[in-house]
C-alpha atoms as a PDB file:
ATOM      1  CA  MET A   1      21.214  24.770  -4.815  1.00  0.00           C
ATOM      2  CA  TRP A   2      25.300  23.510  -5.809  1.00  0.00           C
ATOM      3  CA  VAL A   3      26.116  21.000  -3.002  1.00  0.00           C
ATOM      4  CA  ARG A   4      29.464  19.354  -3.746  1.00  0.00           C
ATOM      5  CA  LEU A   5      28.499  15.466  -3.367  1.00  0.00           C
ATOM      6  CA  GLY A   6      30.130  12.537  -1.405  1.00  0.00           C
ATOM      7  CA  GLY A   7      30.187  10.534   1.663  1.00  0.00           C
ATOM      8  CA  VAL A   8      32.070   7.697   2.931  1.00  0.00           C
ATOM      9  CA  LYS A   9      30.656   4.249   4.292  1.00  0.00           C
ATOM     10  CA  HIS A  10      31.066   0.923   6.448  1.00  0.00           C
ATOM     11  CA  PHE A  11      30.213  -2.147   5.820  1.00  0.00           C
ATOM     12  CA  ALA A  12      29.420  -3.838   8.785  1.00  0.00           C
ATOM     13  CA  VAL A  13      27.157  -7.132   7.476  1.00  0.00           C
ATOM     14  CA  LEU A  14      26.153  -9.980   9.743  1.00  0.00           C
ATOM     15  CA  GLY A  15      24.169 -13.134   8.361  1.00  0.00           C
ATOM     16  CA  GLY A  16      24.231 -11.945   4.687  1.00  0.00           C
ATOM     17  CA  GLY A  17      24.510  -8.855   2.797  1.00  0.00           C
ATOM     18  CA  LEU A  18      22.564  -6.205   1.403  1.00  0.00           C
ATOM     19  CA  CYS A  19      22.737  -7.472  -2.211  1.00  0.00           C
ATOM     20  CA  GLU A  20      22.060 -11.048  -1.439  1.00  0.00           C
ATOM     21  CA  ASN A  21      19.394 -12.872  -3.612  1.00  0.00           C
ATOM     22  CA  LEU A  22      16.292 -13.582  -1.887  1.00  0.00           C
ATOM     23  CA  SER A  23      14.703 -17.310  -2.393  1.00  0.00           C
ATOM     24  CA  PRO A  24      11.258 -16.668  -4.342  1.00  0.00           C
ATOM     25  CA  ASN A  25       9.835 -18.100  -0.723  1.00  0.00           C
ATOM     26  CA  ALA A  26      11.996 -15.631   1.451  1.00  0.00           C
ATOM     27  CA  ALA A  27       9.155 -14.399   4.150  1.00  0.00           C
ATOM     28  CA  THR A  28      10.178 -16.732   6.573  1.00  0.00           C
ATOM     29  CA  ARG A  29      14.069 -15.686   5.900  1.00  0.00           C
ATOM     30  CA  PHE A  30      13.250 -11.938   7.746  1.00  0.00           C
ATOM     31  CA  THR A  31      13.051 -12.959  10.791  1.00  0.00           C
ATOM     32  CA  VAL A  32      17.337 -12.677  10.534  1.00  0.00           C
ATOM     33  CA  GLU A  33      18.118  -9.414  12.444  1.00  0.00           C
ATOM     34  CA  ARG A  34      21.658  -7.970  10.124  1.00  0.00           C
ATOM     35  CA  LYS A  35      22.899  -4.805  10.889  1.00  0.00           C
ATOM     36  CA  VAL A  36      23.293  -3.504   6.882  1.00  0.00           C
ATOM     37  CA  MET A  37      25.168  -0.421   6.289  1.00  0.00           C
ATOM     38  CA  SER A  38      26.302   2.958   9.218  1.00  0.00           C
ATOM     39  CA  TYR A  39      26.283   5.794   6.443  1.00  0.00           C
ATOM     40  CA  GLU A  40      28.400   9.413   8.052  1.00  0.00           C
ATOM     41  CA  CYS A  41      24.281  10.311   8.322  1.00  0.00           C
ATOM     42  CA  PHE A  42      22.832   7.637   9.180  1.00  0.00           C
ATOM     43  CA  ASP A  43      22.506   3.881  10.423  1.00  0.00           C
ATOM     44  CA  LEU A  44      20.633   1.200   8.039  1.00  0.00           C
ATOM     45  CA  THR A  45      19.217  -2.264   9.883  1.00  0.00           C
ATOM     46  CA  VAL A  46      17.339  -4.655   7.862  1.00  0.00           C
ATOM     47  CA  ALA A  47      15.015  -6.698   9.665  1.00  0.00           C
ATOM     48  CA  GLU A  48      11.882  -8.962   8.892  1.00  0.00           C
ATOM     49  CA  GLY A  49      11.418  -6.946   5.921  1.00  0.00           C
ATOM     50  CA  ILE A  50      11.606  -3.399   7.315  1.00  0.00           C
ATOM     51  CA  ALA A  51      14.704  -1.591   6.081  1.00  0.00           C
ATOM     52  CA  HIS A  52      15.502   1.006   9.115  1.00  0.00           C
ATOM     53  CA  ILE A  53      17.217   4.551   8.506  1.00  0.00           C
ATOM     54  CA  ARG A  54      17.784   6.284  10.825  1.00  0.00           C
ATOM     55  CA  PHE A  55      19.433   9.984  10.736  1.00  0.00           C
ATOM     56  CA  ASN A  56      22.362   9.706  13.390  1.00  0.00           C
ATOM     57  CA  ARG A  57      23.380  13.117  13.935  1.00  0.00           C
ATOM     58  CA  PRO A  58      21.048  14.401  16.386  1.00  0.00           C
ATOM     59  CA  ASP A  59      24.079  16.632  17.883  1.00  0.00           C
ATOM     60  CA  LYS A  60      24.033  18.889  14.928  1.00  0.00           C
ATOM     61  CA  ALA A  61      19.656  18.131  14.683  1.00  0.00           C
ATOM     62  CA  ASN A  62      20.548  15.956  11.747  1.00  0.00           C
ATOM     63  CA  SER A  63      21.552  18.671   8.865  1.00  0.00           C
ATOM     64  CA  MET A  64      22.198  17.335   5.572  1.00  0.00           C
ATOM     65  CA  ILE A  65      25.094  17.929   5.059  1.00  0.00           C
ATOM     66  CA  PRO A  66      26.808  17.226   1.224  1.00  0.00           C
ATOM     67  CA  SER A  67      27.466  13.443   1.919  1.00  0.00           C
ATOM     68  CA  PHE A  68      23.420  13.447   2.830  1.00  0.00           C
ATOM     69  CA  TRP A  69      22.567  13.498  -0.610  1.00  0.00           C
ATOM     70  CA  SER A  70      23.793  10.886  -2.354  1.00  0.00           C
ATOM     71  CA  GLU A  71      23.999   8.335   0.872  1.00  0.00           C
ATOM     72  CA  LEU A  72      20.264   8.397   0.357  1.00  0.00           C
ATOM     73  CA  PRO A  73      19.698   7.616  -2.631  1.00  0.00           C
ATOM     74  CA  GLU A  74      22.472   5.444  -2.724  1.00  0.00           C
ATOM     75  CA  ALA A  75      20.749   3.495   0.145  1.00  0.00           C
ATOM     76  CA  VAL A  76      17.567   3.605  -0.770  1.00  0.00           C
ATOM     77  CA  ASN A  77      17.912   2.709  -4.499  1.00  0.00           C
ATOM     78  CA  ALA A  78      19.586  -0.271  -3.388  1.00  0.00           C
ATOM     79  CA  LEU A  79      16.603  -1.390  -0.959  1.00  0.00           C
ATOM     80  CA  SER A  80      14.484  -1.030  -4.290  1.00  0.00           C
ATOM     81  CA  ARG A  81      16.778  -2.965  -6.201  1.00  0.00           C
ATOM     82  CA  ASP A  82      17.714  -5.456  -3.842  1.00  0.00           C
ATOM     83  CA  ALA A  83      13.944  -6.263  -2.969  1.00  0.00           C
ATOM     84  CA  SER A  84      15.883  -7.137   0.478  1.00  0.00           C
ATOM     85  CA  ALA A  85      12.788  -5.707   1.959  1.00  0.00           C
ATOM     86  CA  ARG A  86       9.056  -5.045   2.191  1.00  0.00           C
ATOM     87  CA  VAL A  87       8.666  -1.670   3.486  1.00  0.00           C
ATOM     88  CA  ILE A  88      11.300   1.240   4.483  1.00  0.00           C
ATOM     89  CA  VAL A  89      10.977   3.652   7.552  1.00  0.00           C
ATOM     90  CA  LEU A  90      12.902   6.716   8.461  1.00  0.00           C
ATOM     91  CA  SER A  91      13.596   8.012  11.624  1.00  0.00           C
ATOM     92  CA  ALA A  92      15.890  10.401  13.510  1.00  0.00           C
ATOM     93  CA  GLU A  93      18.102  10.122  17.210  1.00  0.00           C
ATOM     94  CA  GLY A  94      17.725  13.556  19.264  1.00  0.00           C
ATOM     95  CA  ARG A  95      15.768  16.097  19.464  1.00  0.00           C
ATOM     96  CA  HIS A  96      15.033  16.504  16.150  1.00  0.00           C
ATOM     97  CA  PHE A  97      14.291  14.615  12.650  1.00  0.00           C
ATOM     98  CA  SER A  98      16.272  17.146  10.544  1.00  0.00           C
ATOM     99  CA  SER A  99      17.110  21.077  10.298  1.00  0.00           C
ATOM    100  CA  GLY A 100      17.150  20.615   6.685  1.00  0.00           C
ATOM    101  CA  MET A 101      20.349  21.574   4.547  1.00  0.00           C
ATOM    102  CA  ASP A 102      23.336  22.539   6.859  1.00  0.00           C
ATOM    103  CA  ILE A 103      24.232  25.964   7.516  1.00  0.00           C
ATOM    104  CA  SER A 104      27.630  25.604   6.028  1.00  0.00           C
ATOM    105  CA  VAL A 105      26.135  24.802   2.534  1.00  0.00           C
ATOM    106  CA  PHE A 106      25.143  28.400   2.576  1.00  0.00           C
ATOM    107  CA  THR A 107      27.890  29.706   4.137  1.00  0.00           C
ATOM    108  CA  GLU A 108      30.796  27.993   2.610  1.00  0.00           C
ATOM    109  CA  GLY A 109      30.209  28.594  -1.192  1.00  0.00           C
ATOM    110  CA  GLY A 110      27.920  25.330  -1.573  1.00  0.00           C
ATOM    111  CA  LEU A 111      25.869  27.657  -3.439  1.00  0.00           C
ATOM    112  CA  ASP A 112      28.180  29.429  -5.687  1.00  0.00           C
ATOM    113  CA  GLY A 113      28.276  26.963  -8.663  1.00  0.00           C
ATOM    114  CA  PRO A 114      30.062  26.112 -11.682  1.00  0.00           C
ATOM    115  CA  ALA A 115      32.549  28.537 -12.803  1.00  0.00           C
ATOM    116  CA  SER A 116      31.922  30.462 -15.805  1.00  0.00           C
ATOM    117  CA  GLY A 117      31.977  33.703 -17.474  1.00  0.00           C
ATOM    118  CA  SER A 118      28.554  32.798 -18.923  1.00  0.00           C
ATOM    119  CA  ARG A 119      25.691  33.843 -15.840  1.00  0.00           C
ATOM    120  CA  PHE A 120      23.447  31.636 -18.746  1.00  0.00           C
ATOM    121  CA  VAL A 121      25.479  28.799 -18.939  1.00  0.00           C
ATOM    122  CA  ARG A 122      25.635  28.604 -15.249  1.00  0.00           C
ATOM    123  CA  ALA A 123      22.332  28.787 -15.133  1.00  0.00           C
ATOM    124  CA  GLU A 124      22.124  25.769 -16.919  1.00  0.00           C
ATOM    125  CA  ALA A 125      24.702  23.603 -15.214  1.00  0.00           C
ATOM    126  CA  PHE A 126      23.019  24.365 -11.706  1.00  0.00           C
ATOM    127  CA  ARG A 127      19.540  23.488 -13.209  1.00  0.00           C
ATOM    128  CA  HIS A 128      21.048  19.556 -14.007  1.00  0.00           C
ATOM    129  CA  HIS A 129      22.295  19.987 -10.139  1.00  0.00           C
ATOM    130  CA  CYS A 130      19.203  21.361  -8.319  1.00  0.00           C
ATOM    131  CA  MET A 131      17.250  17.864 -10.263  1.00  0.00           C
ATOM    132  CA  GLU A 132      20.314  15.728  -9.259  1.00  0.00           C
ATOM    133  CA  LEU A 133      19.168  16.975  -5.455  1.00  0.00           C
ATOM    134  CA  GLN A 134      15.910  16.065  -6.079  1.00  0.00           C
ATOM    135  CA  ASP A 135      16.837  12.810  -7.400  1.00  0.00           C
ATOM    136  CA  ALA A 136      17.483  12.183  -3.325  1.00  0.00           C
ATOM    137  CA  PHE A 137      14.207  12.272  -2.416  1.00  0.00           C
ATOM    138  CA  THR A 138      12.474  11.127  -5.639  1.00  0.00           C
ATOM    139  CA  CYS A 139      13.674   8.143  -4.915  1.00  0.00           C
ATOM    140  CA  LEU A 140      11.455   7.130  -2.157  1.00  0.00           C
ATOM    141  CA  GLU A 141       8.408   8.223  -3.897  1.00  0.00           C
ATOM    142  CA  GLU A 142       9.999   5.685  -6.509  1.00  0.00           C
ATOM    143  CA  ALA A 143      10.706   2.911  -4.236  1.00  0.00           C
ATOM    144  CA  ARG A 144       9.398  -0.619  -4.970  1.00  0.00           C
ATOM    145  CA  MET A 145       7.808  -0.829  -1.252  1.00  0.00           C
ATOM    146  CA  PRO A 146       6.301   1.854   1.156  1.00  0.00           C
ATOM    147  CA  VAL A 147       8.434   4.318   2.804  1.00  0.00           C
ATOM    148  CA  LEU A 148       7.099   5.785   6.347  1.00  0.00           C
ATOM    149  CA  VAL A 149       8.639   8.615   8.798  1.00  0.00           C
ATOM    150  CA  ALA A 150       8.645   9.113  11.625  1.00  0.00           C
ATOM    151  CA  ILE A 151       8.939  12.737  13.189  1.00  0.00           C
ATOM    152  CA  GLN A 152       9.694  14.447  16.119  1.00  0.00           C
ATOM    153  CA  GLY A 153      10.494  18.349  16.630  1.00  0.00           C
ATOM    154  CA  ALA A 154      12.062  20.338  13.660  1.00  0.00           C
ATOM    155  CA  ALA A 155      10.724  19.068  10.004  1.00  0.00           C
ATOM    156  CA  VAL A 156      12.333  21.994   8.660  1.00  0.00           C
ATOM    157  CA  GLY A 157      13.319  22.935   5.166  1.00  0.00           C
ATOM    158  CA  GLY A 158      15.052  20.321   2.808  1.00  0.00           C
ATOM    159  CA  ALA A 159      13.557  18.369   5.877  1.00  0.00           C
ATOM    160  CA  MET A 160       9.564  19.091   4.159  1.00  0.00           C
ATOM    161  CA  ASP A 161      11.120  18.189   1.024  1.00  0.00           C
ATOM    162  CA  LEU A 162      12.004  14.707   1.753  1.00  0.00           C
ATOM    163  CA  ILE A 163       8.971  14.072   4.743  1.00  0.00           C
ATOM    164  CA  THR A 164       6.682  15.055   1.496  1.00  0.00           C
ATOM    165  CA  ALA A 165       8.362  12.392  -0.836  1.00  0.00           C
ATOM    166  CA  CYS A 166       7.508   9.616   1.750  1.00  0.00           C
ATOM    167  CA  ASP A 167       4.153   7.571   1.535  1.00  0.00           C
ATOM    168  CA  CYS A 168       2.560   8.409   5.555  1.00  0.00           C
ATOM    169  CA  ARG A 169       4.038   9.912   7.657  1.00  0.00           C
ATOM    170  CA  TYR A 170       3.396  10.319  11.597  1.00  0.00           C
ATOM    171  CA  ALA A 171       4.472  13.334  14.136  1.00  0.00           C
ATOM    172  CA  THR A 172       5.287  13.541  17.933  1.00  0.00           C
ATOM    173  CA  ARG A 173       3.052  16.316  19.788  1.00  0.00           C
ATOM    174  CA  ASP A 174       6.512  18.991  19.319  1.00  0.00           C
ATOM    175  CA  ALA A 175       7.096  18.108  16.047  1.00  0.00           C
ATOM    176  CA  PHE A 176       6.668  21.062  13.926  1.00  0.00           C
ATOM    177  CA  PHE A 177       6.842  21.465  10.049  1.00  0.00           C
ATOM    178  CA  SER A 178       8.262  24.435   7.721  1.00  0.00           C
ATOM    179  CA  VAL A 179       8.923  25.753   4.321  1.00  0.00           C
ATOM    180  CA  HIS A 180      11.945  27.815   6.046  1.00  0.00           C
ATOM    181  CA  GLU A 181      13.020  28.866   2.382  1.00  0.00           C
ATOM    182  CA  THR A 182      11.211  31.097   2.189  1.00  0.00           C
ATOM    183  CA  ALA A 183      12.649  32.985   4.839  1.00  0.00           C
ATOM    184  CA  ILE A 184      15.972  32.504   4.124  1.00  0.00           C
ATOM    185  CA  GLY A 185      15.801  34.464   0.460  1.00  0.00           C
ATOM    186  CA  MET A 186      15.038  31.420  -1.351  1.00  0.00           C
ATOM    187  CA  THR A 187      12.334  29.521  -3.028  1.00  0.00           C
ATOM    188  CA  ALA A 188      11.782  25.581  -1.957  1.00  0.00           C
ATOM    189  CA  ASP A 189      13.491  23.607  -4.890  1.00  0.00           C
ATOM    190  CA  VAL A 190      13.901  20.071  -3.490  1.00  0.00           C
ATOM    191  CA  GLY A 191      10.379  18.756  -4.490  1.00  0.00           C
ATOM    192  CA  THR A 192       8.026  20.331  -1.130  1.00  0.00           C
ATOM    193  CA  TYR A 193       6.022  22.407  -4.075  1.00  0.00           C
ATOM    194  CA  PRO A 194       5.020  19.672  -6.486  1.00  0.00           C
ATOM    195  CA  ARG A 195       4.163  17.406  -3.437  1.00  0.00           C
ATOM    196  CA  LEU A 196       3.132  19.236  -0.737  1.00  0.00           C
ATOM    197  CA  VAL A 197      -0.386  21.050  -2.482  1.00  0.00           C
ATOM    198  CA  LYS A 198      -1.349  17.094  -3.152  1.00  0.00           C
ATOM    199  CA  LEU A 199      -1.306  16.335   0.135  1.00  0.00           C
ATOM    200  CA  ILE A 200      -2.668  18.986   2.030  1.00  0.00           C
ATOM    201  CA  PRO A 201      -5.558  21.796   1.007  1.00  0.00           C
ATOM    202  CA  GLU A 202      -3.608  24.463  -1.372  1.00  0.00           C
ATOM    203  CA  GLY A 203      -4.917  27.245   0.734  1.00  0.00           C
ATOM    204  CA  TRP A 204      -2.611  25.837   3.610  1.00  0.00           C
ATOM    205  CA  ALA A 205       0.328  24.921   1.173  1.00  0.00           C
ATOM    206  CA  ARG A 206       0.349  28.259   0.517  1.00  0.00           C
ATOM    207  CA  GLN A 207       0.237  29.773   3.590  1.00  0.00           C
ATOM    208  CA  MET A 208       3.433  27.377   4.583  1.00  0.00           C
ATOM    209  CA  SER A 209       5.262  28.402   1.821  1.00  0.00           C
ATOM    210  CA  TYR A 210       4.395  32.594   1.250  1.00  0.00           C
ATOM    211  CA  THR A 211       4.665  32.854   5.658  1.00  0.00           C
ATOM    212  CA  ALA A 212       7.439  29.975   6.010  1.00  0.00           C
ATOM    213  CA  GLU A 213       5.514  29.672   9.508  1.00  0.00           C
ATOM    214  CA  ARG A 214       5.703  26.579  11.770  1.00  0.00           C
ATOM    215  CA  VAL A 215       2.879  24.294  11.237  1.00  0.00           C
ATOM    216  CA  GLY A 216       2.696  21.732  14.637  1.00  0.00           C
ATOM    217  CA  ALA A 217       2.300  18.406  14.936  1.00  0.00           C
ATOM    218  CA  GLU A 218      -1.795  18.966  15.682  1.00  0.00           C
ATOM    219  CA  LYS A 219      -2.390  21.623  12.672  1.00  0.00           C
ATOM    220  CA  ALA A 220      -0.735  18.850  10.631  1.00  0.00           C
ATOM    221  CA  ARG A 221      -3.114  16.171  11.472  1.00  0.00           C
ATOM    222  CA  ASP A 222      -6.250  18.022  10.931  1.00  0.00           C
ATOM    223  CA  ILE A 223      -5.107  19.240   7.423  1.00  0.00           C
ATOM    224  CA  GLY A 224      -3.688  16.241   6.099  1.00  0.00           C
ATOM    225  CA  LEU A 225       0.380  16.337   6.500  1.00  0.00           C
ATOM    226  CA  VAL A 226       0.332  13.823   9.224  1.00  0.00           C
ATOM    227  CA  ASN A 227      -1.380  10.178   9.511  1.00  0.00           C
ATOM    228  CA  GLU A 228      -1.384  10.308  13.181  1.00  0.00           C
ATOM    229  CA  VAL A 229      -0.114  12.205  16.533  1.00  0.00           C
ATOM    230  CA  TYR A 230       2.451  10.935  19.289  1.00  0.00           C
ATOM    231  CA  ASP A 231       3.428  11.715  23.315  1.00  0.00           C
ATOM    232  CA  THR A 232       6.742  10.832  22.926  1.00  0.00           C
ATOM    233  CA  ALA A 233       9.224  10.005  20.233  1.00  0.00           C
ATOM    234  CA  GLU A 234       9.426   6.140  21.263  1.00  0.00           C
ATOM    235  CA  GLN A 235       5.924   5.269  21.355  1.00  0.00           C
ATOM    236  CA  MET A 236       5.622   6.898  17.647  1.00  0.00           C
ATOM    237  CA  LEU A 237       8.577   4.352  16.592  1.00  0.00           C
ATOM    238  CA  GLU A 238       6.792   1.742  18.527  1.00  0.00           C
ATOM    239  CA  ALA A 239       3.405   2.529  16.606  1.00  0.00           C
ATOM    240  CA  VAL A 240       4.885   3.037  13.256  1.00  0.00           C
ATOM    241  CA  MET A 241       6.957  -0.256  13.412  1.00  0.00           C
ATOM    242  CA  ILE A 242       3.434  -2.052  14.025  1.00  0.00           C
ATOM    243  CA  ILE A 243       2.570  -0.563  10.711  1.00  0.00           C
ATOM    244  CA  ALA A 244       5.221  -1.575   9.316  1.00  0.00           C
ATOM    245  CA  LYS A 245       4.862  -4.943  10.113  1.00  0.00           C
ATOM    246  CA  GLN A 246       1.022  -4.503   9.238  1.00  0.00           C
ATOM    247  CA  ILE A 247       2.473  -4.349   5.448  1.00  0.00           C
ATOM    248  CA  ALA A 248       5.148  -6.269   5.466  1.00  0.00           C
ATOM    249  CA  GLY A 249       3.156  -8.985   6.187  1.00  0.00           C
ATOM    250  CA  HIS A 250       1.028  -8.341   2.437  1.00  0.00           C
ATOM    251  CA  ALA A 251       2.002 -10.061  -0.602  1.00  0.00           C
ATOM    252  CA  PRO A 252       4.740  -7.611  -1.601  1.00  0.00           C
ATOM    253  CA  LEU A 253       3.681  -7.604  -4.920  1.00  0.00           C
ATOM    254  CA  ALA A 254       0.307  -6.948  -4.236  1.00  0.00           C
ATOM    255  CA  VAL A 255       1.768  -3.837  -1.915  1.00  0.00           C
ATOM    256  CA  SER A 256       4.411  -2.981  -4.383  1.00  0.00           C
ATOM    257  CA  GLY A 257       1.417  -2.817  -6.777  1.00  0.00           C
ATOM    258  CA  ALA A 258      -0.585  -0.323  -4.623  1.00  0.00           C
ATOM    259  CA  LYS A 259       1.750   1.987  -3.905  1.00  0.00           C
ATOM    260  CA  ARG A 260       1.718   2.349  -7.867  1.00  0.00           C
ATOM    261  CA  MET A 261      -1.570   2.832  -8.203  1.00  0.00           C
ATOM    262  CA  VAL A 262      -1.973   5.439  -6.125  1.00  0.00           C
ATOM    263  CA  ASN A 263       0.939   7.309  -7.403  1.00  0.00           C
ATOM    264  CA  TYR A 264      -0.860   6.768 -10.912  1.00  0.00           C
ATOM    265  CA  ALA A 265      -3.556   7.938  -9.634  1.00  0.00           C
ATOM    266  CA  ARG A 266      -2.628  11.293  -7.791  1.00  0.00           C
ATOM    267  CA  ASP A 267      -1.045  12.241 -11.119  1.00  0.00           C
ATOM    268  CA  HIS A 268      -3.574  11.434 -13.479  1.00  0.00           C
ATOM    269  CA  THR A 269      -7.328  11.453 -13.798  1.00  0.00           C
ATOM    270  CA  THR A 270      -9.701   8.890 -12.671  1.00  0.00           C
ATOM    271  CA  ALA A 271     -10.336   6.857 -16.257  1.00  0.00           C
ATOM    272  CA  ASP A 272      -6.678   7.042 -16.630  1.00  0.00           C
ATOM    273  CA  GLY A 273      -6.368   5.331 -13.054  1.00  0.00           C
ATOM    274  CA  LEU A 274      -8.751   2.487 -14.279  1.00  0.00           C
ATOM    275  CA  ASP A 275      -7.643   1.564 -17.235  1.00  0.00           C
ATOM    276  CA  TYR A 276      -3.709   1.259 -15.588  1.00  0.00           C
ATOM    277  CA  ILE A 277      -4.907  -0.625 -13.020  1.00  0.00           C
ATOM    278  CA  ALA A 278      -7.059  -2.959 -15.244  1.00  0.00           C
ATOM    279  CA  THR A 279      -4.299  -3.105 -17.356  1.00  0.00           C
ATOM    280  CA  TRP A 280      -1.230  -3.752 -14.462  1.00  0.00           C
ATOM    281  CA  ASN A 281      -3.799  -6.786 -13.608  1.00  0.00           C
ATOM    282  CA  ALA A 282      -4.072  -8.721 -16.823  1.00  0.00           C
ATOM    283  CA  SER A 283      -0.493  -8.977 -16.522  1.00  0.00           C
ATOM    284  CA  MET A 284       0.236  -9.197 -12.946  1.00  0.00           C
ATOM    285  CA  LEU A 285      -2.873 -10.284 -10.481  1.00  0.00           C
ATOM    286  CA  ASP A 286      -1.300 -13.507  -8.615  1.00  0.00           C
ATOM    287  CA  VAL A 287      -3.973 -15.921  -8.426  1.00  0.00           C
ATOM    288  CA  ASP A 288      -2.582 -18.604  -6.329  1.00  0.00           C
ATOM    289  CA  ALA A 289      -1.159 -15.347  -3.907  1.00  0.00           C
ATOM    290  CA  ILE A 290      -4.902 -15.407  -3.418  1.00  0.00           C
ATOM    291  CA  ARG A 291      -6.521 -18.950  -3.094  1.00  0.00           C
ATOM    292  CA  SER A 292      -3.182 -18.821  -0.302  1.00  0.00           C
ATOM    293  CA  SER A 293      -4.234 -16.341   1.312  1.00  0.00           C
ATOM    294  CA  TYR A 294      -7.808 -17.887   1.912  1.00  0.00           C
ATOM    295  CA  THR A 295      -6.010 -20.859   3.133  1.00  0.00           C
ATOM    296  CA  ALA A 296      -3.835 -19.539   5.298  1.00  0.00           C
ATOM    297  CA  GLN A 297      -6.090 -18.045   7.133  1.00  0.00           C
ATOM    298  CA  ALA A 298      -8.539 -20.827   7.028  1.00  0.00           C
ATOM    299  CA  GLU A 299      -5.946 -23.062   8.722  1.00  0.00           C
ATOM    300  CA  GLY A 300      -5.306 -20.117  11.709  1.00  0.00           C
ATOM    301  CA  GLU A 301      -1.603 -19.599   9.680  1.00  0.00           C
ATOM    302  CA  LYS A 302      -0.046 -16.931   7.889  1.00  0.00           C
ATOM    303  CA  PRO A 303      -0.016 -16.988   4.541  1.00  0.00           C
ATOM    304  CA  GLN A 304       3.541 -16.739   2.603  1.00  0.00           C
ATOM    305  CA  TYR A 305       4.318 -14.940  -0.670  1.00  0.00           C
ATOM    306  CA  ASP A 306       6.892 -15.006  -3.424  1.00  0.00           C
ATOM    307  CA  ALA A 307       8.903 -12.162  -2.989  1.00  0.00           C
ATOM    308  CA  LEU A 308       9.868  -9.138  -5.811  1.00  0.00           C
ATOM    309  CA  LEU A 309      13.038 -10.613  -7.425  1.00  0.00           C
ATOM    310  CA  PRO A 310      16.250  -8.445  -7.557  1.00  0.00           C
ATOM    311  CA  VAL A 311      16.158  -6.162 -10.222  1.00  0.00           C
ATOM    312  CA  LYS A 312      19.559  -4.456 -11.886  1.00  0.00           C
ATOM    313  CA  LYS A 313      17.975  -0.661 -11.962  1.00  0.00           C
ATOM    314  CA  THR A 314      14.523  -0.193 -11.479  1.00  0.00           C
ATOM    315  CA  ALA A 315      11.931   2.054 -12.928  1.00  0.00           C
ATOM    316  CA  GLY A 316      12.250   5.058 -11.518  1.00  0.00           C
ATOM    317  CA  GLU A 317      16.466   5.974 -11.370  1.00  0.00           C
END
């Protein structure tokens, strides 16, 4: 897909900016709630170590307009670099999580690509543009903190690419999932295939891909696409926030390491994974954090952990 990227954001910062440096013992500062940014396609808040990205175009079924593809990676990469949150939650206003790529992209020349006399030269440029769109969701997978997504109603087309890049998925009973690109004459190209086949049984990944059928929430849970199903969007978001708070209460280094290990194990052999975790802990095992955890638990207190340090650029960018 050739999508012209762009977008406008408005800053509305309360109690500190997104890029402020957190102190090493930043756990106690997460009680301050801050409205960080309002983008064209979503709002972003950070509170108690949880960054909440909430899609805000319910009248358009939270479709992915061109600015979405630059705004989302900008926000997620900033959170990952700054380490100002310990977990990210994605949710949406309205009846549907997202209807995927906005129809205007398909009807107003968004797929035409750059002008050139050679179709081969155009194809080479298109490949790079496609990979740029892929990066808009790969940033979720590569973020230093876990990403949880709460889904109601439709998660189709581009939304499938998005949710499969998240760490954990949760849905309401009215949610449904579809690799809809097949039904409009194209092969999904922004991440669904390489990720979906690792999340659910291959047979189901193939059936969803070939038929473009709608898979309901209960079936999605049965095949492992979502972790849990809830009656309403309100109940779902409340439950997801409880899970997010649990994650935020743990040592950021341990959680970030756990995400890295799971991602690595998924893409490598068992032997490679064992070697990597041994090397990781040989350099990053925080014995002081372990002692602090036991001491705090014995005294009936919540342990305090060092925050991850801000970095100029993360390894996944």
